[in-house]
Amino acid sequence: MVLKEENMDLQIELLKKLCETPGVSGYEEPVRKIVDDELKKIMDEVKIDKLGNIIGYKKARKEKQGKPIKVMVAAHMDEIGFLVRFIDKDGFLRITPLGGFNPRTLIAQRVIIHGKRDIKGIISPKPKFLSEEDDKKYIDVKELYIDVGMGKEEVSKYVNVGNVVSLDQNFIKLNEQVVTSRNFDDRMGVFVMIEALKRLEDCYADIYAVGTVQEELGLRGGTVASFSVEPDIGIAIDGSLAYDFPGVKDEDKHCFLGGGTGIYIVDNRTLCDKKIVNFLKYLAEENNIGYQLNIGGGTDAAAMQRNKTGTLVCTIGAPIRNMHSTVQLCHLGDIKYTVELLKVFLEKVHKIDTLLK
């Protein structure tokens, strides 16, 4: 799938801005400010709850018999990162993770410690002189340390235990179609939510657009927000797991970069509602939107599904290669298709029962 220049109408600068702004789980304030600014341009009301979720409300634009259906769209603002847990006598920093990592992907990575001022550092690789047996051992994040090139006295002027650490990788275009960043999970989803709402035309549903917090720590923000909103239908926007790389069996390759947006059918926490899945497939086919079915990891859909009396949910999202690493890849065409599918879903959701007959 190659995007023609005339169709490249995504606001890539906004995506870049979202991706390059830090917002580790529990410390989402910097990225939430951007989301707040964008939602206030397009929503009727915007508020921030006690946990830090940002909730935008758009009233149904057209009247329909009966009470409008209530739809919640959730995209998590947080990214995986760390907290400083110890500064040793030589100025090296020990860290504790906020979110799930494969520790081997962290070695020799650049980081930023957000203390009294931002300090750059690196997660040191193991010394070459370690034994081969030691080199094969499982690595625990707690064994890793950050080197900022300072002694303890100097680094302690700027860094304290409890300071947040984010990975230091910027948004880069690898070519005209493929981009890389450290946190498409889930800044891609936040971007899609904003872009779809900007393009929304007639709508018979009440829409709640939620930038959730602490998703990577167990869907905490999404749980709180869904109990507040009490949606009838919930759509999470999150990355689909792309398995199109060497070493993966054909039977395990569910999504491909450039193959269209992913429509989740099941993940680690949720069996997506079959009516919602079928409706999304119908809309994609009717509107020439590229899609593929995805078996994914847990998303905010699980939080919404378990809200009080239950919510019909599904997750959609562009495939992401190398999820939970500093070198995540996305295809701009997949992102565009995700925007288009969310837009048409929100415009047509009131017809879900009639169009599926």
Protein backbone atom coordinates (compact mmCIF):
# COMPACT_ATOMS: atom_id res chain seq x y z
CA MET A 1 0.00 0.00 0.00
CA VAL A 2 1.58 3.27 -1.15
CA LEU A 3 0.01 6.59 -0.30
CA LYS A 4 -0.26 9.10 -3.11
CA GLU A 5 1.01 12.59 -2.32
CA GLU A 6 -2.45 14.13 -2.69
CA ASN A 7 -3.74 11.80 0.02
CA MET A 8 -1.01 12.62 2.51
CA ASP A 9 -3.28 14.90 4.51
CA LEU A 10 -2.45 13.66 8.00
CA GLN A 11 -1.07 16.32 10.31
CA ILE A 12 2.30 14.64 10.68
CA GLU A 13 3.68 17.55 12.71
CA LEU A 14 1.06 16.84 15.40
CA LEU A 15 2.01 13.16 15.45
CA LYS A 16 5.68 14.14 15.75
CA LYS A 17 4.90 16.57 18.58
CA LEU A 18 2.93 13.94 20.48
CA CYS A 19 5.69 11.37 20.06
CA GLU A 20 8.52 13.67 21.12
CA THR A 21 6.77 14.89 24.27
CA PRO A 22 7.50 12.84 27.41
CA GLY A 23 4.61 11.28 29.30
CA VAL A 24 5.62 8.23 31.32
CA SER A 25 2.87 6.33 33.17
CA GLY A 26 1.62 8.43 36.07
CA TYR A 27 3.44 11.52 34.78
CA GLU A 28 1.43 12.32 31.67
CA GLU A 29 1.12 16.10 32.26
CA PRO A 30 3.30 17.27 29.31
CA VAL A 31 1.47 15.22 26.68
CA ARG A 32 -1.93 15.86 28.30
CA LYS A 33 -1.38 19.60 27.73
CA ILE A 34 -1.16 18.96 23.97
CA VAL A 35 -4.27 16.75 24.00
CA ASP A 36 -6.13 19.37 26.04
CA ASP A 37 -5.26 22.10 23.52
CA GLU A 38 -6.41 19.96 20.59
CA LEU A 39 -9.66 18.69 22.14
CA LYS A 40 -10.75 22.18 23.19
CA LYS A 41 -10.80 23.12 19.49
CA ILE A 42 -13.24 20.37 18.54
CA MET A 43 -15.24 19.20 21.59
CA ASP A 44 -18.16 20.86 23.38
CA GLU A 45 -16.70 20.25 26.83
CA VAL A 46 -13.29 19.13 28.11
CA LYS A 47 -12.42 18.17 31.68
CA ILE A 48 -9.65 16.41 33.60
CA ASP A 49 -10.63 13.92 36.30
CA LYS A 50 -8.90 13.24 39.63
CA LEU A 51 -6.65 10.52 38.22
CA GLY A 52 -5.52 12.70 35.29
CA ASN A 53 -7.64 11.35 32.42
CA ILE A 54 -8.72 14.02 29.95
CA ILE A 55 -12.34 13.62 28.84
CA GLY A 56 -13.77 15.50 25.88
CA TYR A 57 -17.52 15.48 25.24
CA LYS A 58 -19.23 16.12 21.87
CA LYS A 59 -23.02 16.19 21.89
CA ALA A 60 -24.91 14.38 19.13
CA ARG A 61 -25.19 16.79 16.21
CA LYS A 62 -28.50 15.42 14.90
CA GLU A 63 -31.62 14.31 16.65
CA LYS A 64 -32.79 10.72 16.53
CA GLN A 65 -35.78 9.13 18.18
CA GLY A 66 -34.93 8.17 21.72
CA LYS A 67 -31.82 8.82 23.76
CA PRO A 68 -28.56 9.12 21.75
CA ILE A 69 -26.18 6.20 22.00
CA LYS A 70 -23.16 6.98 24.18
CA VAL A 71 -19.76 6.09 22.66
CA MET A 72 -16.44 6.28 24.48
CA VAL A 73 -13.21 6.41 22.47
CA ALA A 74 -10.11 5.72 24.58
CA ALA A 75 -6.45 6.18 23.71
CA HIS A 76 -3.83 6.06 26.42
CA MET A 77 -1.46 9.00 26.80
CA ASP A 78 1.18 7.21 28.86
CA GLU A 79 4.33 5.55 27.60
CA ILE A 80 6.60 3.05 29.32
CA GLY A 81 9.52 4.46 31.30
CA PHE A 82 11.26 4.37 34.67
CA LEU A 83 11.70 5.97 38.07
CA VAL A 84 15.08 6.58 39.73
CA ARG A 85 15.23 4.31 42.80
CA PHE A 86 18.85 4.76 43.93
CA ILE A 87 21.94 6.88 43.30
CA ASP A 88 25.12 5.03 44.21
CA LYS A 89 28.35 6.49 45.62
CA ASP A 90 29.81 6.86 42.11
CA GLY A 91 26.81 8.69 40.65
CA PHE A 92 25.26 5.78 38.75
CA LEU A 93 21.45 5.60 38.81
CA ARG A 94 19.43 2.46 39.48
CA ILE A 95 15.90 2.38 38.09
CA THR A 96 12.54 0.70 38.53
CA PRO A 97 10.29 0.17 35.48
CA LEU A 98 6.94 1.83 34.84
CA GLY A 99 5.45 -0.57 32.32
CA GLY A 100 6.63 -3.77 30.65
CA PHE A 101 10.05 -4.06 29.03
CA ASN A 102 12.22 -6.70 27.46
CA PRO A 103 15.38 -5.69 29.34
CA ARG A 104 17.67 -6.74 26.49
CA THR A 105 16.20 -3.97 24.32
CA LEU A 106 17.32 -1.38 26.87
CA ILE A 107 21.05 -1.97 26.86
CA ALA A 108 23.03 0.94 25.32
CA GLN A 109 19.91 3.11 24.96
CA ARG A 110 19.87 6.85 25.60
CA VAL A 111 17.56 8.23 28.30
CA ILE A 112 16.47 11.54 29.81
CA ILE A 113 16.15 11.98 33.57
CA HIS A 114 13.50 14.61 34.35
CA GLY A 115 14.87 16.11 37.56
CA LYS A 116 15.40 19.73 38.58
CA ARG A 117 16.49 20.03 34.98
CA ASP A 118 16.58 17.42 32.23
CA ILE A 119 19.77 15.34 32.35
CA LYS A 120 20.76 12.99 29.53
CA GLY A 121 22.32 9.62 30.18
CA ILE A 122 22.75 6.12 28.82
CA ILE A 123 21.81 2.67 30.04
CA SER A 124 25.25 1.11 30.15
CA PRO A 125 26.03 -2.09 28.25
CA LYS A 126 27.62 -4.97 30.12
CA PRO A 127 31.42 -4.83 30.17
CA LYS A 128 33.15 -6.97 27.55
CA PHE A 129 35.22 -8.81 30.17
CA LEU A 130 32.19 -10.58 31.73
CA SER A 131 32.23 -14.36 31.40
CA GLU A 132 30.25 -16.04 28.63
CA GLU A 133 28.10 -17.70 31.29
CA ASP A 134 27.21 -14.33 32.86
CA ASP A 135 26.44 -12.91 29.43
CA LYS A 136 23.78 -15.58 28.82
CA LYS A 137 21.92 -14.97 32.07
CA TYR A 138 18.47 -13.38 32.14
CA ILE A 139 18.72 -9.62 32.59
CA ASP A 140 16.52 -7.93 35.17
CA VAL A 141 15.78 -4.22 34.75
CA LYS A 142 16.90 -3.78 38.35
CA GLU A 143 20.40 -4.89 37.32
CA LEU A 144 20.69 -2.09 34.76
CA TYR A 145 22.11 1.31 35.60
CA ILE A 146 22.17 4.75 34.02
CA ASP A 147 25.47 6.54 33.48
CA VAL A 148 25.13 10.35 33.28
CA GLY A 149 28.86 11.02 33.28
CA MET A 150 28.80 12.72 36.70
CA GLY A 151 29.86 11.86 40.21
CA LYS A 152 27.31 11.54 42.99
CA GLU A 153 27.79 15.06 44.36
CA GLU A 154 27.19 16.68 40.98
CA VAL A 155 24.32 14.47 39.81
CA SER A 156 22.55 14.90 43.17
CA LYS A 157 22.23 18.63 42.44
CA TYR A 158 19.77 17.78 39.67
CA VAL A 159 18.43 14.26 40.27
CA ASN A 160 16.53 12.77 43.22
CA VAL A 161 15.10 9.35 43.95
CA GLY A 162 11.63 9.26 42.39
CA ASN A 163 12.49 11.34 39.32
CA VAL A 164 10.98 10.11 36.05
CA VAL A 165 13.15 8.67 33.28
CA SER A 166 12.02 8.56 29.66
CA LEU A 167 13.70 6.94 26.67
CA ASP A 168 15.48 9.35 24.33
CA GLN A 169 14.36 8.54 20.78
CA ASN A 170 12.79 11.09 18.45
CA PHE A 171 10.20 10.70 15.70
CA ILE A 172 11.92 9.97 12.35
CA LYS A 173 10.64 9.31 8.83
CA LEU A 174 12.50 6.29 7.48
CA ASN A 175 10.92 6.86 4.06
CA GLU A 176 7.72 8.31 2.58
CA GLN A 177 5.53 5.63 4.15
CA VAL A 178 7.25 4.35 7.30
CA VAL A 179 8.02 6.29 10.48
CA THR A 180 9.72 5.30 13.73
CA SER A 181 9.41 6.49 17.32
CA ARG A 182 9.78 5.16 20.86
CA ASN A 183 6.08 5.44 21.74
CA PHE A 184 3.63 4.83 18.92
CA ASP A 185 2.11 2.73 21.71
CA ASP A 186 0.03 4.76 22.16
CA ARG A 187 0.72 8.24 20.80
CA MET A 188 -0.44 6.84 17.46
CA GLY A 189 -3.80 6.13 19.11
CA VAL A 190 -4.04 9.60 20.66
CA PHE A 191 -3.27 11.13 17.26
CA VAL A 192 -5.89 8.98 15.51
CA MET A 193 -8.55 9.95 18.06
CA ILE A 194 -7.88 13.68 17.57
CA GLU A 195 -7.66 13.47 13.77
CA ALA A 196 -10.89 11.46 13.43
CA LEU A 197 -12.81 13.92 15.62
CA LYS A 198 -11.54 16.86 13.57
CA ARG A 199 -13.01 15.28 10.43
CA LEU A 200 -16.31 14.24 11.98
CA GLU A 201 -19.43 15.43 10.12
CA ASP A 202 -23.01 14.49 11.03
CA CYS A 203 -23.20 12.44 14.18
CA TYR A 204 -26.18 10.97 16.04
CA ALA A 205 -24.15 9.70 19.00
CA ASP A 206 -22.87 11.42 22.13
CA ILE A 207 -19.11 11.01 21.93
CA TYR A 208 -16.66 10.93 24.81
CA ALA A 209 -13.02 11.15 23.69
CA VAL A 210 -10.74 10.07 26.53
CA GLY A 211 -6.97 10.33 26.80
CA THR A 212 -6.35 7.79 29.55
CA VAL A 213 -3.51 7.59 32.07
CA GLN A 214 -1.58 4.66 33.52
CA GLU A 215 -2.76 2.16 30.94
CA GLU A 216 0.65 0.50 30.97
CA LEU A 217 0.29 -0.10 34.73
CA GLY A 218 -2.95 -2.07 34.42
CA LEU A 219 -5.59 0.02 32.61
CA ARG A 220 -6.04 2.24 35.67
CA GLY A 221 -7.14 5.43 33.95
CA GLY A 222 -9.47 3.68 31.53
CA THR A 223 -11.21 1.90 34.40
CA VAL A 224 -11.90 5.15 36.28
CA ALA A 225 -13.00 7.02 33.13
CA SER A 226 -15.39 4.30 31.97
CA PHE A 227 -17.15 4.23 35.34
CA SER A 228 -17.61 7.99 35.01
CA VAL A 229 -18.80 7.98 31.38
CA GLU A 230 -20.84 4.73 31.49
CA PRO A 231 -20.70 4.21 27.69
CA ASP A 232 -22.96 1.96 25.65
CA ILE A 233 -20.11 1.23 23.23
CA GLY A 234 -16.38 1.56 23.77
CA ILE A 235 -13.65 1.75 21.14
CA ALA A 236 -10.01 1.65 22.23
CA ILE A 237 -7.41 2.96 19.81
CA ASP A 238 -4.13 1.12 20.33
CA GLY A 239 -1.40 -0.54 18.34
CA SER A 240 -2.00 -3.84 16.57
CA LEU A 241 0.90 -6.26 16.97
CA ALA A 242 2.81 -6.54 13.69
CA TYR A 243 4.55 -9.90 13.39
CA ASP A 244 5.89 -9.52 9.85
CA PHE A 245 9.58 -9.98 10.57
CA PRO A 246 12.15 -12.79 10.37
CA GLY A 247 11.84 -15.72 12.74
CA VAL A 248 8.05 -15.64 13.13
CA LYS A 249 6.05 -18.65 11.95
CA ASP A 250 3.50 -17.94 9.21
CA GLU A 251 0.71 -19.17 11.49
CA ASP A 252 1.60 -16.44 14.01
CA LYS A 253 1.68 -13.55 11.54
CA HIS A 254 -1.60 -11.73 12.17
CA CYS A 255 -0.83 -8.18 11.06
CA PHE A 256 1.53 -6.66 8.54
CA LEU A 257 2.97 -3.17 8.33
CA GLY A 258 1.23 -1.47 5.40
CA GLY A 259 -1.64 -3.97 5.36
CA GLY A 260 -4.29 -1.61 6.73
CA THR A 261 -5.64 -0.85 10.17
CA GLY A 262 -6.01 -3.71 12.63
CA ILE A 263 -9.42 -4.72 13.96
CA TYR A 264 -9.00 -6.70 17.18
CA ILE A 265 -11.01 -9.88 17.54
CA VAL A 266 -9.41 -10.97 20.83
CA ASP A 267 -6.53 -9.95 23.08
CA ASN A 268 -5.03 -10.91 26.44
CA ARG A 269 -7.88 -9.30 28.39
CA THR A 270 -10.87 -8.98 26.06
CA LEU A 271 -12.97 -10.99 23.65
CA CYS A 272 -14.19 -8.19 21.41
CA ASP A 273 -17.92 -7.93 20.80
CA LYS A 274 -18.73 -9.79 17.57
CA LYS A 275 -21.37 -7.25 16.51
CA ILE A 276 -18.88 -4.39 16.81
CA VAL A 277 -16.21 -6.39 14.96
CA ASN A 278 -18.62 -7.22 12.13
CA PHE A 279 -19.78 -3.60 11.91
CA LEU A 280 -16.21 -2.33 11.66
CA LYS A 281 -15.48 -4.86 8.91
CA TYR A 282 -18.66 -3.82 7.08
CA LEU A 283 -17.74 -0.13 7.26
CA ALA A 284 -14.19 -0.78 6.11
CA GLU A 285 -15.35 -2.75 3.09
CA GLU A 286 -18.08 -0.23 2.19
CA ASN A 287 -15.63 2.68 2.34
CA ASN A 288 -12.55 1.04 0.77
CA ILE A 289 -10.63 1.18 4.05
CA GLY A 290 -7.77 -1.30 4.27
CA TYR A 291 -8.04 -3.54 7.33
CA GLN A 292 -6.75 -6.79 8.81
CA LEU A 293 -7.88 -8.83 11.79
CA ASN A 294 -5.66 -8.73 14.86
CA ILE A 295 -4.99 -10.86 17.91
CA GLY A 296 -3.37 -8.42 20.31
CA GLY A 297 -2.27 -7.48 23.80
CA GLY A 298 -4.47 -5.92 26.47
CA THR A 299 -5.98 -2.47 25.84
CA ASP A 300 -8.38 0.00 27.45
CA ALA A 301 -11.20 -1.99 25.82
CA ALA A 302 -10.99 -4.36 28.81
CA ALA A 303 -11.49 -1.47 31.24
CA MET A 304 -14.54 -0.24 29.33
CA GLN A 305 -16.01 -3.73 28.92
CA ARG A 306 -16.05 -4.29 32.68
CA ASN A 307 -17.80 -1.00 33.46
CA LYS A 308 -20.76 -1.55 35.83
CA THR A 309 -23.37 -3.38 33.75
CA GLY A 310 -20.97 -3.98 30.85
CA THR A 311 -20.09 -2.25 27.58
CA LEU A 312 -19.82 -3.54 24.01
CA VAL A 313 -16.18 -2.99 23.04
CA CYS A 314 -13.53 -3.44 20.39
CA THR A 315 -10.03 -2.11 19.68
CA ILE A 316 -8.68 -0.80 16.39
CA GLY A 317 -5.26 0.53 15.55
CA ALA A 318 -2.43 0.70 13.04
CA PRO A 319 0.05 -2.20 13.24
CA ILE A 320 3.20 -1.41 15.21
CA ARG A 321 6.38 -3.34 14.64
CA ASN A 322 8.74 -3.74 17.66
CA MET A 323 6.13 -2.85 20.28
CA HIS A 324 7.48 -1.83 23.71
CA SER A 325 10.89 -0.93 22.34
CA THR A 326 12.63 2.33 21.40
CA VAL A 327 12.39 1.54 17.67
CA GLN A 328 8.67 1.10 17.01
CA LEU A 329 7.64 1.32 13.35
CA CYS A 330 4.33 2.47 11.82
CA HIS A 331 3.07 2.87 8.27
CA LEU A 332 1.40 6.21 7.55
CA GLY A 333 -1.16 4.48 5.34
CA ASP A 334 -2.24 2.26 8.23
CA ILE A 335 -2.62 5.32 10.46
CA LYS A 336 -4.70 7.09 7.81
CA TYR A 337 -6.98 4.05 7.44
CA THR A 338 -7.44 3.96 11.23
CA VAL A 339 -8.48 7.63 11.22
CA GLU A 340 -10.96 6.99 8.42
CA LEU A 341 -12.44 3.89 10.06
CA LEU A 342 -12.93 5.63 13.42
CA LYS A 343 -14.52 8.64 11.71
CA VAL A 344 -17.05 6.62 9.72
CA PHE A 345 -17.78 4.41 12.74
CA LEU A 346 -18.70 7.42 14.87
CA GLU A 347 -20.88 8.82 12.07
CA LYS A 348 -22.74 5.55 11.44
CA VAL A 349 -22.79 3.82 14.84
CA HIS A 350 -26.48 4.70 15.37
CA LYS A 351 -27.25 2.43 12.38
CA ILE A 352 -25.36 -0.59 13.69
CA ASP A 353 -28.47 -2.78 14.06
CA THR A 354 -30.05 -1.85 10.71
CA LEU A 355 -26.91 -1.99 8.54
CA LEU A 356 -25.92 -5.46 9.78
CA LYS A 357 -29.29 -7.04 8.86
